Amino acid sequence: MCRAYGAGVVVDSEVASKKRAGGTPALQIARAANAICLAAFAMLFAGCRMDMHQQPKYLPYEPTTFFDDGRSERPVVPGTVARGQLRLDELLYTGKENGVLSNKFPFPITREDLERGRQRYNIYCTPCHDYTGSGEGIVVQRGFPPPPSYHIDRLRQAPVGHFFDVMSNGYGSMYSYASRIEPEDRWRIAAYIRVLQLSQHATEQDVPPSERSQLNQQNAGQPQ
C-alpha cells in the first residue's frame, strides 16, 4: 500500500520494517553509544577496585630479600611505648619506689577496695593459699608444692610491695598474674593479704573500743 504526498511516495511497509528492526539509524547509533559508555564505566570501576587481599603485603613469617636479616617482621624500635602502657607511676605499676620495694599503697584503701581484694583473692589465690592464707589450698592437698604461709614472720614483716611484685612477676613455682589481674586489683589483693595476716595475729588492742565490751561478753560466755 502506498501513499502520495506531493511528488513523493512513501511505502508504509518500509517504515514498518524499520520500526521492527529497532528504529531509525540515528536512534540505533544513540543506543549503541549508550551501551558502549555503560560498558566503559563498568570496566573502569572494576579496574579501580583493590580489595585488602589484593594489596602488596607480607604474610606472617614470610621471608624477604629487602632486609639484610631476611625477615619481613621488624623488631620494635627501642623506646616504643604501646598506647595506654606509658606507666610513669613506679609505685603503682612495680610496687617499688626508687627501685626498692615499698611498704605503702599507691592509693587510699577503702572498705570497697578490701571487698574487691577479697573477691579477687578468692578467685585467683585460694587454690594454693587457701581462704586463710595458710598455704593449704585444694591443689596443695592434691600434691602441688605448698606456698609459704602468709602468717610466718618473714611475710608478716615483708613490705606490701613484695606481694604486688610476686603477683606481677611470679616467684618460685608461682607464675605471673600480670596478664590476669589489673595492677589496681593486685594492690587490693595485697591489702586483703594484710587483713588475713592481721586476723590471725590480732590482739584486744586492735579491736575498736566501742566493740571491746561486746567481745569481752562473748569471751565470758565461752567455756573455759
N, C-alpha and C. Protein backbone atom coordinates (compact mmCIF):
# COMPACT_ATOMS: atom_id res chain seq x y z
N MET A 1 0.86 -1.19 0.00
CA MET A 1 0.00 0.00 0.00
C MET A 1 0.88 1.23 0.00
N CYS A 2 0.55 2.21 -0.82
CA CYS A 2 1.35 3.43 -0.96
C CYS A 2 0.51 4.64 -0.66
N ARG A 3 1.22 5.72 -0.21
CA ARG A 3 0.55 7.00 -0.01
C ARG A 3 1.35 8.06 -0.76
N ALA A 4 0.63 8.98 -1.40
CA ALA A 4 1.27 10.02 -2.20
C ALA A 4 1.21 11.33 -1.45
N TYR A 5 2.38 12.00 -1.32
CA TYR A 5 2.47 13.33 -0.70
C TYR A 5 3.20 14.21 -1.69
N GLY A 6 2.41 14.99 -2.42
CA GLY A 6 3.01 15.85 -3.45
C GLY A 6 3.66 14.98 -4.50
N ALA A 7 4.96 15.19 -4.70
CA ALA A 7 5.66 14.44 -5.73
C ALA A 7 6.30 13.18 -5.19
N GLY A 8 6.25 12.98 -3.84
CA GLY A 8 6.93 11.83 -3.29
C GLY A 8 5.97 10.72 -2.91
N VAL A 9 6.48 9.56 -2.83
CA VAL A 9 5.70 8.38 -2.46
C VAL A 9 6.46 7.62 -1.37
N VAL A 10 5.75 7.31 -0.25
CA VAL A 10 6.35 6.56 0.86
C VAL A 10 5.66 5.23 0.99
N VAL A 11 6.41 4.23 1.09
CA VAL A 11 5.87 2.89 1.20
C VAL A 11 5.71 2.55 2.67
N ASP A 12 4.48 2.30 3.13
CA ASP A 12 4.21 2.00 4.54
C ASP A 12 4.94 0.75 5.01
N SER A 13 5.12 -0.19 4.14
CA SER A 13 5.77 -1.44 4.54
C SER A 13 7.23 -1.21 4.92
N GLU A 14 7.93 -0.27 4.27
CA GLU A 14 9.32 0.03 4.62
C GLU A 14 9.42 0.67 5.99
N VAL A 15 8.52 1.60 6.30
CA VAL A 15 8.51 2.26 7.61
C VAL A 15 8.28 1.24 8.71
N ALA A 16 7.33 0.36 8.46
CA ALA A 16 7.02 -0.66 9.47
C ALA A 16 8.22 -1.58 9.71
N SER A 17 8.92 -1.92 8.63
CA SER A 17 10.07 -2.81 8.79
C SER A 17 11.18 -2.14 9.58
N LYS A 18 11.39 -0.82 9.40
CA LYS A 18 12.42 -0.10 10.15
C LYS A 18 12.08 -0.05 11.63
N LYS A 19 10.81 0.16 11.96
CA LYS A 19 10.41 0.18 13.36
C LYS A 19 10.63 -1.17 14.02
N ARG A 20 10.31 -2.22 13.29
CA ARG A 20 10.51 -3.55 13.84
C ARG A 20 12.00 -3.85 14.03
N ALA A 21 12.84 -3.27 13.24
CA ALA A 21 14.28 -3.51 13.33
C ALA A 21 14.95 -2.72 14.44
N GLY A 22 14.22 -1.84 15.17
CA GLY A 22 14.82 -1.10 16.28
C GLY A 22 14.81 0.39 16.09
N GLY A 23 14.15 0.90 15.16
CA GLY A 23 14.06 2.33 14.98
C GLY A 23 14.92 2.82 13.85
N THR A 24 15.03 4.11 13.78
CA THR A 24 15.80 4.76 12.73
C THR A 24 17.29 4.58 12.97
N PRO A 25 18.10 4.78 11.95
CA PRO A 25 19.56 4.66 12.13
C PRO A 25 20.11 5.57 13.22
N ALA A 26 19.59 6.78 13.36
CA ALA A 26 20.07 7.70 14.40
C ALA A 26 19.79 7.15 15.80
N LEU A 27 18.61 6.57 16.00
CA LEU A 27 18.26 6.00 17.29
C LEU A 27 19.12 4.78 17.61
N GLN A 28 19.39 3.99 16.60
CA GLN A 28 20.23 2.83 16.80
C GLN A 28 21.65 3.24 17.20
N ILE A 29 22.16 4.29 16.57
CA ILE A 29 23.50 4.80 16.91
C ILE A 29 23.55 5.30 18.36
N ALA A 30 22.50 6.02 18.77
CA ALA A 30 22.44 6.53 20.14
C ALA A 30 22.42 5.40 21.15
N ARG A 31 21.63 4.37 20.84
CA ARG A 31 21.57 3.22 21.75
C ARG A 31 22.92 2.51 21.84
N ALA A 32 23.59 2.38 20.73
CA ALA A 32 24.90 1.74 20.73
C ALA A 32 25.92 2.56 21.53
N ALA A 33 25.85 3.89 21.38
CA ALA A 33 26.76 4.75 22.13
C ALA A 33 26.52 4.63 23.64
N ASN A 34 25.26 4.56 24.05
CA ASN A 34 24.94 4.40 25.48
C ASN A 34 25.49 3.08 26.01
N ALA A 35 25.33 2.04 25.21
CA ALA A 35 25.83 0.73 25.65
C ALA A 35 27.34 0.73 25.80
N ILE A 36 28.03 1.39 24.88
CA ILE A 36 29.49 1.48 24.96
C ILE A 36 29.92 2.26 26.19
N CYS A 37 29.21 3.36 26.49
CA CYS A 37 29.55 4.16 27.66
C CYS A 37 29.36 3.36 28.95
N LEU A 38 28.25 2.65 29.04
CA LEU A 38 28.00 1.83 30.23
C LEU A 38 29.06 0.76 30.40
N ALA A 39 29.46 0.14 29.30
CA ALA A 39 30.50 -0.88 29.37
C ALA A 39 31.83 -0.28 29.81
N ALA A 40 32.12 0.93 29.32
CA ALA A 40 33.37 1.59 29.69
C ALA A 40 33.39 1.93 31.17
N PHE A 41 32.26 2.45 31.70
CA PHE A 41 32.19 2.76 33.13
C PHE A 41 32.34 1.50 33.97
N ALA A 42 31.71 0.42 33.55
CA ALA A 42 31.81 -0.83 34.31
C ALA A 42 33.25 -1.33 34.35
N MET A 43 33.94 -1.26 33.24
CA MET A 43 35.34 -1.68 33.20
C MET A 43 36.21 -0.76 34.06
N LEU A 44 35.90 0.55 34.06
CA LEU A 44 36.67 1.50 34.83
C LEU A 44 36.56 1.22 36.33
N PHE A 45 35.32 1.03 36.82
CA PHE A 45 35.12 0.75 38.23
C PHE A 45 35.72 -0.59 38.62
N ALA A 46 35.60 -1.57 37.76
CA ALA A 46 36.18 -2.89 38.06
C ALA A 46 37.70 -2.81 38.13
N GLY A 47 38.29 -2.00 37.29
CA GLY A 47 39.74 -1.86 37.29
C GLY A 47 40.26 -1.10 38.49
N CYS A 48 39.43 -0.19 39.09
CA CYS A 48 39.87 0.61 40.23
C CYS A 48 39.68 -0.12 41.55
N ARG A 49 38.99 -1.24 41.59
CA ARG A 49 38.73 -1.95 42.84
C ARG A 49 39.99 -2.68 43.31
N MET A 50 40.42 -2.35 44.57
CA MET A 50 41.58 -3.01 45.16
C MET A 50 41.18 -3.53 46.54
N ASP A 51 40.83 -4.78 46.62
CA ASP A 51 40.48 -5.37 47.91
C ASP A 51 41.72 -5.54 48.78
N MET A 52 41.48 -5.69 50.11
CA MET A 52 42.59 -5.86 51.04
C MET A 52 43.42 -7.10 50.71
N HIS A 53 42.76 -8.16 50.22
CA HIS A 53 43.50 -9.38 49.95
C HIS A 53 44.33 -9.28 48.67
N GLN A 54 44.18 -8.17 47.93
CA GLN A 54 44.96 -7.99 46.71
C GLN A 54 46.11 -7.01 46.91
N GLN A 55 46.21 -6.43 48.11
CA GLN A 55 47.23 -5.41 48.32
C GLN A 55 48.62 -6.03 48.44
N PRO A 56 49.65 -5.30 48.09
CA PRO A 56 51.02 -5.79 48.29
C PRO A 56 51.32 -5.89 49.78
N LYS A 57 51.68 -7.06 50.28
CA LYS A 57 51.94 -7.23 51.70
C LYS A 57 52.74 -8.51 51.93
N TYR A 58 53.27 -8.62 53.13
CA TYR A 58 53.93 -9.85 53.56
C TYR A 58 53.01 -10.61 54.50
N LEU A 59 52.92 -11.90 54.32
CA LEU A 59 52.18 -12.74 55.24
C LEU A 59 53.04 -12.99 56.48
N PRO A 60 52.43 -13.38 57.61
CA PRO A 60 53.23 -13.61 58.82
C PRO A 60 54.38 -14.59 58.59
N TYR A 61 55.55 -14.20 59.06
CA TYR A 61 56.78 -15.00 58.97
C TYR A 61 57.24 -15.24 57.52
N GLU A 62 56.71 -14.48 56.59
CA GLU A 62 57.15 -14.64 55.21
C GLU A 62 58.54 -14.01 55.04
N PRO A 63 59.48 -14.69 54.43
CA PRO A 63 60.82 -14.11 54.26
C PRO A 63 60.83 -13.00 53.21
N THR A 64 61.87 -12.21 53.25
CA THR A 64 62.02 -11.13 52.29
C THR A 64 63.50 -10.93 52.00
N THR A 65 63.78 -10.43 50.84
CA THR A 65 65.15 -10.09 50.47
C THR A 65 65.41 -8.60 50.64
N PHE A 66 64.40 -7.87 51.08
CA PHE A 66 64.53 -6.42 51.22
C PHE A 66 65.44 -6.06 52.39
N PHE A 67 65.32 -6.80 53.51
CA PHE A 67 66.14 -6.53 54.69
C PHE A 67 67.29 -7.54 54.77
N ASP A 68 68.37 -7.12 55.35
CA ASP A 68 69.56 -7.97 55.41
C ASP A 68 69.35 -9.25 56.20
N ASP A 69 68.49 -9.19 57.24
CA ASP A 69 68.29 -10.39 58.05
C ASP A 69 67.27 -11.34 57.44
N GLY A 70 66.66 -10.97 56.31
CA GLY A 70 65.72 -11.84 55.63
C GLY A 70 64.35 -11.95 56.26
N ARG A 71 64.09 -11.15 57.29
CA ARG A 71 62.79 -11.21 57.96
C ARG A 71 61.90 -10.07 57.51
N SER A 72 60.62 -10.39 57.26
CA SER A 72 59.68 -9.32 56.93
C SER A 72 59.17 -8.63 58.20
N GLU A 73 59.12 -9.37 59.33
CA GLU A 73 58.74 -8.73 60.59
C GLU A 73 59.92 -7.92 61.12
N ARG A 74 59.64 -6.73 61.57
CA ARG A 74 60.72 -5.88 62.07
C ARG A 74 60.65 -5.77 63.59
N PRO A 75 61.78 -5.75 64.26
CA PRO A 75 61.76 -5.61 65.73
C PRO A 75 61.23 -4.24 66.13
N VAL A 76 60.68 -4.21 67.35
CA VAL A 76 60.14 -2.95 67.87
C VAL A 76 61.27 -1.94 68.06
N VAL A 77 61.02 -0.72 67.69
CA VAL A 77 62.02 0.34 67.85
C VAL A 77 62.27 0.56 69.34
N PRO A 78 63.53 0.61 69.77
CA PRO A 78 63.82 0.83 71.19
C PRO A 78 63.13 2.08 71.72
N GLY A 79 62.52 1.94 72.89
CA GLY A 79 61.82 3.07 73.50
C GLY A 79 60.36 3.17 73.09
N THR A 80 59.89 2.26 72.26
CA THR A 80 58.49 2.30 71.84
C THR A 80 57.58 2.01 73.03
N VAL A 81 56.53 2.79 73.18
CA VAL A 81 55.55 2.59 74.25
C VAL A 81 54.19 2.35 73.62
N ALA A 82 53.58 1.23 73.94
CA ALA A 82 52.25 0.92 73.40
C ALA A 82 51.23 1.91 73.98
N ARG A 83 50.18 2.16 73.20
CA ARG A 83 49.14 3.08 73.67
C ARG A 83 48.55 2.59 74.99
N GLY A 84 48.48 3.47 75.97
CA GLY A 84 47.93 3.11 77.26
C GLY A 84 48.89 2.38 78.17
N GLN A 85 50.17 2.24 77.76
CA GLN A 85 51.14 1.48 78.54
C GLN A 85 52.33 2.34 78.97
N LEU A 86 52.14 3.64 79.09
CA LEU A 86 53.25 4.52 79.46
C LEU A 86 53.74 4.23 80.89
N ARG A 87 52.80 4.13 81.83
CA ARG A 87 53.09 3.66 83.19
C ARG A 87 54.24 4.41 83.86
N LEU A 88 54.03 5.69 84.05
CA LEU A 88 55.06 6.51 84.70
C LEU A 88 55.05 6.37 86.21
N ASP A 89 53.95 5.88 86.79
CA ASP A 89 53.84 5.75 88.24
C ASP A 89 54.56 4.48 88.68
N GLU A 90 55.78 4.62 89.16
CA GLU A 90 56.59 3.46 89.52
C GLU A 90 55.94 2.64 90.62
N LEU A 91 55.40 3.30 91.63
CA LEU A 91 54.81 2.57 92.75
C LEU A 91 53.59 1.78 92.30
N LEU A 92 52.73 2.38 91.53
CA LEU A 92 51.50 1.73 91.11
C LEU A 92 51.77 0.50 90.25
N TYR A 93 52.77 0.60 89.36
CA TYR A 93 52.97 -0.47 88.38
C TYR A 93 54.10 -1.45 88.73
N THR A 94 54.92 -1.12 89.73
CA THR A 94 56.02 -2.03 90.08
C THR A 94 56.03 -2.41 91.56
N GLY A 95 55.34 -1.63 92.39
CA GLY A 95 55.40 -1.88 93.82
C GLY A 95 56.67 -1.35 94.45
N LYS A 96 57.41 -0.53 93.72
CA LYS A 96 58.69 -0.03 94.21
C LYS A 96 58.74 1.50 94.16
N GLU A 97 59.65 2.04 94.94
CA GLU A 97 59.99 3.47 94.90
C GLU A 97 61.50 3.58 94.82
N ASN A 98 61.95 4.21 93.76
CA ASN A 98 63.39 4.32 93.50
C ASN A 98 64.04 2.95 93.46
N GLY A 99 63.32 1.99 92.90
CA GLY A 99 63.86 0.66 92.73
C GLY A 99 63.80 -0.23 93.94
N VAL A 100 63.22 0.26 95.06
CA VAL A 100 63.14 -0.52 96.31
C VAL A 100 61.68 -0.84 96.60
N LEU A 101 61.40 -2.08 97.01
CA LEU A 101 60.04 -2.47 97.35
C LEU A 101 59.47 -1.54 98.42
N SER A 102 58.27 -1.05 98.17
CA SER A 102 57.67 -0.06 99.07
C SER A 102 56.71 -0.73 100.04
N ASN A 103 56.51 -0.06 101.17
CA ASN A 103 55.58 -0.57 102.18
C ASN A 103 54.34 0.32 102.27
N LYS A 104 54.01 0.99 101.18
CA LYS A 104 52.81 1.81 101.19
C LYS A 104 52.03 1.58 99.90
N PHE A 105 50.76 1.92 99.94
CA PHE A 105 49.87 1.72 98.80
C PHE A 105 49.86 2.97 97.92
N PRO A 106 49.66 2.78 96.61
CA PRO A 106 49.65 3.94 95.71
C PRO A 106 48.34 4.73 95.75
N PHE A 107 47.34 4.22 96.45
CA PHE A 107 46.07 4.93 96.59
C PHE A 107 45.44 4.52 97.93
N PRO A 108 44.59 5.36 98.50
CA PRO A 108 43.97 5.02 99.78
C PRO A 108 43.10 3.76 99.64
N ILE A 109 43.22 2.85 100.61
CA ILE A 109 42.46 1.61 100.58
C ILE A 109 41.16 1.81 101.37
N THR A 110 40.04 1.62 100.71
CA THR A 110 38.73 1.77 101.32
C THR A 110 38.11 0.40 101.60
N ARG A 111 36.96 0.42 102.24
CA ARG A 111 36.24 -0.84 102.50
C ARG A 111 35.88 -1.52 101.18
N GLU A 112 35.51 -0.72 100.19
CA GLU A 112 35.18 -1.28 98.88
C GLU A 112 36.40 -1.94 98.24
N ASP A 113 37.57 -1.32 98.43
CA ASP A 113 38.80 -1.93 97.89
C ASP A 113 39.08 -3.27 98.55
N LEU A 114 38.86 -3.35 99.86
CA LEU A 114 39.09 -4.62 100.56
C LEU A 114 38.11 -5.69 100.10
N GLU A 115 36.87 -5.29 99.86
CA GLU A 115 35.89 -6.26 99.37
C GLU A 115 36.27 -6.76 97.98
N ARG A 116 36.72 -5.84 97.16
CA ARG A 116 37.19 -6.23 95.82
C ARG A 116 38.43 -7.12 95.93
N GLY A 117 39.34 -6.77 96.82
CA GLY A 117 40.53 -7.60 97.01
C GLY A 117 40.18 -8.98 97.51
N ARG A 118 39.22 -9.10 98.41
CA ARG A 118 38.78 -10.41 98.90
C ARG A 118 38.19 -11.23 97.75
N GLN A 119 37.39 -10.60 96.93
CA GLN A 119 36.79 -11.31 95.80
C GLN A 119 37.85 -11.83 94.84
N ARG A 120 38.81 -10.98 94.48
CA ARG A 120 39.88 -11.39 93.56
C ARG A 120 40.77 -12.45 94.19
N TYR A 121 41.04 -12.30 95.49
CA TYR A 121 41.86 -13.29 96.20
C TYR A 121 41.17 -14.65 96.18
N ASN A 122 39.89 -14.67 96.45
CA ASN A 122 39.16 -15.95 96.47
C ASN A 122 39.16 -16.62 95.10
N ILE A 123 39.20 -15.82 94.05
CA ILE A 123 39.19 -16.38 92.69
C ILE A 123 40.57 -16.91 92.30
N TYR A 124 41.60 -16.11 92.50
CA TYR A 124 42.92 -16.43 91.95
C TYR A 124 43.88 -17.07 92.95
N CYS A 125 43.73 -16.80 94.24
CA CYS A 125 44.76 -17.18 95.20
C CYS A 125 44.42 -18.39 96.05
N THR A 126 43.13 -18.60 96.32
CA THR A 126 42.76 -19.67 97.26
C THR A 126 43.14 -21.08 96.79
N PRO A 127 43.21 -21.37 95.47
CA PRO A 127 43.59 -22.74 95.10
C PRO A 127 44.92 -23.18 95.71
N CYS A 128 45.83 -22.26 95.92
CA CYS A 128 47.12 -22.59 96.55
C CYS A 128 47.18 -22.12 98.00
N HIS A 129 46.77 -20.87 98.25
CA HIS A 129 46.99 -20.25 99.56
C HIS A 129 45.84 -20.49 100.53
N ASP A 130 44.76 -21.04 100.12
CA ASP A 130 43.51 -21.28 100.86
C ASP A 130 42.89 -19.96 101.33
N TYR A 131 41.73 -20.05 101.96
CA TYR A 131 40.98 -18.84 102.31
C TYR A 131 41.55 -18.09 103.50
N THR A 132 42.45 -18.71 104.24
CA THR A 132 43.05 -18.03 105.39
C THR A 132 44.48 -17.57 105.12
N GLY A 133 45.05 -17.99 103.98
CA GLY A 133 46.42 -17.63 103.67
C GLY A 133 47.44 -18.54 104.30
N SER A 134 47.02 -19.73 104.74
CA SER A 134 47.93 -20.65 105.40
C SER A 134 48.70 -21.54 104.44
N GLY A 135 48.38 -21.47 103.14
CA GLY A 135 49.12 -22.24 102.14
C GLY A 135 48.68 -23.68 102.03
N GLU A 136 47.40 -23.95 102.34
CA GLU A 136 46.89 -25.32 102.28
C GLU A 136 45.68 -25.40 101.35
N GLY A 137 45.80 -24.80 100.18
CA GLY A 137 44.70 -24.80 99.21
C GLY A 137 44.45 -26.18 98.63
N ILE A 138 43.42 -26.27 97.81
CA ILE A 138 42.99 -27.56 97.28
C ILE A 138 44.04 -28.21 96.40
N VAL A 139 44.79 -27.42 95.64
CA VAL A 139 45.82 -28.02 94.78
C VAL A 139 47.00 -28.52 95.61
N VAL A 140 47.23 -27.87 96.74
CA VAL A 140 48.28 -28.36 97.65
C VAL A 140 47.85 -29.69 98.26
N GLN A 141 46.58 -29.80 98.61
CA GLN A 141 46.08 -31.04 99.17
C GLN A 141 46.16 -32.19 98.17
N ARG A 142 46.27 -31.85 96.91
CA ARG A 142 46.37 -32.88 95.86
C ARG A 142 47.81 -33.07 95.36
N GLY A 143 48.77 -32.52 96.09
CA GLY A 143 50.16 -32.83 95.77
C GLY A 143 51.01 -31.69 95.25
N PHE A 144 50.42 -30.53 95.00
CA PHE A 144 51.22 -29.40 94.49
C PHE A 144 52.10 -28.86 95.61
N PRO A 145 53.32 -28.42 95.30
CA PRO A 145 54.19 -27.88 96.35
C PRO A 145 53.53 -26.73 97.10
N PRO A 146 53.52 -26.75 98.41
CA PRO A 146 52.80 -25.71 99.17
C PRO A 146 53.54 -24.38 99.16
N PRO A 147 52.83 -23.29 99.04
CA PRO A 147 53.47 -21.97 99.19
C PRO A 147 53.66 -21.68 100.67
N PRO A 148 54.51 -20.72 100.99
CA PRO A 148 54.67 -20.37 102.41
C PRO A 148 53.41 -19.72 102.96
N SER A 149 53.17 -19.92 104.22
CA SER A 149 52.02 -19.28 104.87
C SER A 149 52.26 -17.78 104.96
N TYR A 150 51.20 -17.01 104.77
CA TYR A 150 51.31 -15.56 104.94
C TYR A 150 51.55 -15.18 106.40
N HIS A 151 51.44 -16.12 107.30
CA HIS A 151 51.49 -15.80 108.73
C HIS A 151 52.86 -16.06 109.36
N ILE A 152 53.82 -16.45 108.53
CA ILE A 152 55.18 -16.58 109.07
C ILE A 152 55.77 -15.18 109.22
N ASP A 153 56.75 -15.07 110.10
CA ASP A 153 57.31 -13.75 110.40
C ASP A 153 57.88 -13.07 109.16
N ARG A 154 58.52 -13.86 108.29
CA ARG A 154 59.15 -13.24 107.11
C ARG A 154 58.13 -12.51 106.25
N LEU A 155 56.96 -13.09 106.04
CA LEU A 155 55.96 -12.45 105.19
C LEU A 155 55.12 -11.43 105.95
N ARG A 156 55.00 -11.60 107.24
CA ARG A 156 54.30 -10.58 108.02
C ARG A 156 55.11 -9.28 108.04
N GLN A 157 56.42 -9.41 107.99
CA GLN A 157 57.29 -8.23 108.03
C GLN A 157 57.65 -7.74 106.63
N ALA A 158 57.27 -8.47 105.61
CA ALA A 158 57.60 -8.06 104.24
C ALA A 158 56.81 -6.81 103.86
N PRO A 159 57.41 -5.91 103.09
CA PRO A 159 56.66 -4.74 102.62
C PRO A 159 55.52 -5.16 101.72
N VAL A 160 54.48 -4.36 101.68
CA VAL A 160 53.31 -4.72 100.89
C VAL A 160 53.66 -4.79 99.40
N GLY A 161 54.68 -4.02 99.00
CA GLY A 161 55.11 -4.08 97.61
C GLY A 161 55.64 -5.45 97.21
N HIS A 162 56.08 -6.23 98.20
CA HIS A 162 56.56 -7.59 97.91
C HIS A 162 55.44 -8.43 97.31
N PHE A 163 54.25 -8.37 97.89
CA PHE A 163 53.14 -9.17 97.40
C PHE A 163 52.72 -8.72 96.01
N PHE A 164 52.74 -7.40 95.78
CA PHE A 164 52.43 -6.90 94.45
C PHE A 164 53.45 -7.39 93.44
N ASP A 165 54.73 -7.36 93.82
CA ASP A 165 55.81 -7.78 92.92
C ASP A 165 55.69 -9.27 92.59
N VAL A 166 55.35 -10.08 93.58
CA VAL A 166 55.22 -11.53 93.33
C VAL A 166 54.05 -11.80 92.40
N MET A 167 52.93 -11.10 92.61
CA MET A 167 51.78 -11.29 91.71
C MET A 167 52.12 -10.83 90.29
N SER A 168 52.95 -9.81 90.18
CA SER A 168 53.27 -9.26 88.86
C SER A 168 54.28 -10.10 88.10
N ASN A 169 55.28 -10.63 88.81
CA ASN A 169 56.40 -11.29 88.14
C ASN A 169 56.54 -12.77 88.45
N GLY A 170 55.75 -13.27 89.38
CA GLY A 170 55.88 -14.67 89.77
C GLY A 170 57.00 -14.85 90.76
N TYR A 171 56.99 -16.03 91.40
CA TYR A 171 58.03 -16.31 92.40
C TYR A 171 58.06 -17.82 92.60
N GLY A 172 59.22 -18.43 92.42
CA GLY A 172 59.32 -19.87 92.58
C GLY A 172 58.43 -20.61 91.58
N SER A 173 57.57 -21.47 92.09
CA SER A 173 56.66 -22.22 91.20
C SER A 173 55.41 -21.43 90.85
N MET A 174 55.27 -20.24 91.40
CA MET A 174 54.11 -19.40 91.09
C MET A 174 54.41 -18.55 89.86
N TYR A 175 53.54 -18.62 88.87
CA TYR A 175 53.74 -17.82 87.65
C TYR A 175 53.13 -16.43 87.81
N SER A 176 53.44 -15.56 86.87
CA SER A 176 52.95 -14.19 86.91
C SER A 176 51.44 -14.14 86.67
N TYR A 177 50.78 -13.26 87.39
CA TYR A 177 49.35 -13.00 87.20
C TYR A 177 49.11 -11.63 86.55
N ALA A 178 50.16 -11.04 86.01
CA ALA A 178 50.03 -9.70 85.44
C ALA A 178 49.03 -9.65 84.29
N SER A 179 48.95 -10.72 83.51
CA SER A 179 48.03 -10.73 82.37
C SER A 179 46.60 -11.05 82.80
N ARG A 180 46.41 -11.47 84.05
CA ARG A 180 45.09 -11.88 84.52
C ARG A 180 44.47 -10.86 85.47
N ILE A 181 45.31 -10.14 86.20
CA ILE A 181 44.81 -9.23 87.23
C ILE A 181 45.37 -7.84 86.97
N GLU A 182 44.51 -6.85 86.90
CA GLU A 182 44.94 -5.48 86.67
C GLU A 182 45.77 -4.97 87.86
N PRO A 183 46.68 -4.00 87.62
CA PRO A 183 47.53 -3.51 88.71
C PRO A 183 46.75 -3.05 89.95
N GLU A 184 45.65 -2.32 89.73
CA GLU A 184 44.89 -1.84 90.88
C GLU A 184 44.33 -3.00 91.70
N ASP A 185 43.88 -4.06 91.01
CA ASP A 185 43.35 -5.21 91.74
C ASP A 185 44.46 -5.99 92.43
N ARG A 186 45.68 -5.97 91.90
CA ARG A 186 46.78 -6.61 92.60
C ARG A 186 47.06 -5.91 93.93
N TRP A 187 46.94 -4.58 93.94
CA TRP A 187 47.11 -3.84 95.19
C TRP A 187 45.98 -4.15 96.16
N ARG A 188 44.79 -4.31 95.65
CA ARG A 188 43.66 -4.64 96.53
C ARG A 188 43.83 -6.03 97.13
N ILE A 189 44.36 -6.96 96.35
CA ILE A 189 44.64 -8.29 96.90
C ILE A 189 45.72 -8.19 97.98
N ALA A 190 46.75 -7.40 97.72
CA ALA A 190 47.81 -7.22 98.72
C ALA A 190 47.23 -6.65 100.01
N ALA A 191 46.29 -5.71 99.88
CA ALA A 191 45.65 -5.14 101.07
C ALA A 191 44.86 -6.21 101.82
N TYR A 192 44.19 -7.08 101.07
CA TYR A 192 43.42 -8.14 101.73
C TYR A 192 44.35 -9.16 102.40
N ILE A 193 45.52 -9.39 101.83
CA ILE A 193 46.50 -10.28 102.48
C ILE A 193 46.90 -9.69 103.84
N ARG A 194 47.05 -8.37 103.90
CA ARG A 194 47.34 -7.73 105.18
C ARG A 194 46.18 -7.97 106.16
N VAL A 195 44.96 -7.96 105.67
CA VAL A 195 43.81 -8.23 106.53
C VAL A 195 43.88 -9.66 107.07
N LEU A 196 44.21 -10.61 106.21
CA LEU A 196 44.34 -12.00 106.65
C LEU A 196 45.43 -12.14 107.71
N GLN A 197 46.55 -11.47 107.48
CA GLN A 197 47.64 -11.54 108.46
C GLN A 197 47.20 -10.96 109.81
N LEU A 198 46.50 -9.85 109.75
CA LEU A 198 46.03 -9.24 110.99
C LEU A 198 45.00 -10.12 111.69
N SER A 199 44.18 -10.79 110.91
CA SER A 199 43.12 -11.61 111.51
C SER A 199 43.68 -12.76 112.34
N GLN A 200 44.87 -13.24 112.00
CA GLN A 200 45.46 -14.37 112.71
C GLN A 200 46.41 -13.94 113.83
N HIS A 201 46.67 -12.65 113.92
CA HIS A 201 47.61 -12.17 114.94
C HIS A 201 47.08 -10.91 115.63
N ALA A 202 45.79 -10.76 115.64
CA ALA A 202 45.20 -9.57 116.27
C ALA A 202 45.18 -9.72 117.79
N THR A 203 45.24 -8.61 118.46
CA THR A 203 45.14 -8.56 119.93
C THR A 203 43.91 -7.75 120.30
N GLU A 204 43.62 -7.72 121.58
CA GLU A 204 42.46 -6.96 122.04
C GLU A 204 42.63 -5.47 121.73
N GLN A 205 43.86 -5.02 121.70
CA GLN A 205 44.11 -3.60 121.42
C GLN A 205 43.77 -3.23 119.98
N ASP A 206 43.71 -4.23 119.10
CA ASP A 206 43.35 -3.96 117.71
C ASP A 206 41.85 -3.82 117.51
N VAL A 207 41.07 -4.20 118.52
CA VAL A 207 39.61 -4.10 118.42
C VAL A 207 39.18 -2.68 118.78
N PRO A 208 38.31 -2.06 118.00
CA PRO A 208 37.84 -0.71 118.33
C PRO A 208 37.24 -0.67 119.73
N PRO A 209 37.51 0.39 120.49
CA PRO A 209 37.00 0.46 121.88
C PRO A 209 35.48 0.26 121.96
N SER A 210 34.75 0.74 120.97
CA SER A 210 33.29 0.61 121.02
C SER A 210 32.82 -0.82 120.92
N GLU A 211 33.69 -1.74 120.48
CA GLU A 211 33.29 -3.13 120.30
C GLU A 211 33.99 -4.08 121.28
N ARG A 212 34.86 -3.54 122.12
CA ARG A 212 35.59 -4.42 123.03
C ARG A 212 34.67 -5.03 124.08
N SER A 213 33.70 -4.27 124.54
CA SER A 213 32.79 -4.81 125.55
C SER A 213 32.01 -5.98 125.01
N GLN A 214 31.58 -5.86 123.78
CA GLN A 214 30.85 -6.98 123.16
C GLN A 214 31.76 -8.20 123.02
N LEU A 215 33.01 -7.96 122.65
CA LEU A 215 33.96 -9.07 122.54
C LEU A 215 34.20 -9.73 123.89
N ASN A 216 34.32 -8.92 124.96
CA ASN A 216 34.54 -9.47 126.29
C ASN A 216 33.36 -10.29 126.75
N GLN A 217 32.16 -9.85 126.41
CA GLN A 217 30.97 -10.60 126.78
C GLN A 217 30.94 -11.95 126.07
N GLN A 218 31.34 -11.95 124.79
CA GLN A 218 31.38 -13.23 124.06
C GLN A 218 32.42 -14.16 124.66
N ASN A 219 33.58 -13.63 125.04
CA ASN A 219 34.61 -14.46 125.64
C ASN A 219 34.17 -14.98 127.00
N ALA A 220 33.42 -14.16 127.74
CA ALA A 220 32.96 -14.59 129.06
C ALA A 220 31.97 -15.74 128.96
N GLY A 221 31.21 -15.78 127.86
CA GLY A 221 30.21 -16.82 127.71
C GLY A 221 30.77 -18.13 127.19
N GLN A 222 32.02 -18.13 126.80
CA GLN A 222 32.64 -19.37 126.28
C GLN A 222 33.15 -20.22 127.43
N PRO A 223 33.04 -21.54 127.32
CA PRO A 223 33.54 -22.42 128.39
C PRO A 223 35.07 -22.32 128.49
N GLN A 224 35.53 -22.33 129.69
CA GLN A 224 36.98 -22.25 129.93
C GLN A 224 37.65 -23.60 129.70
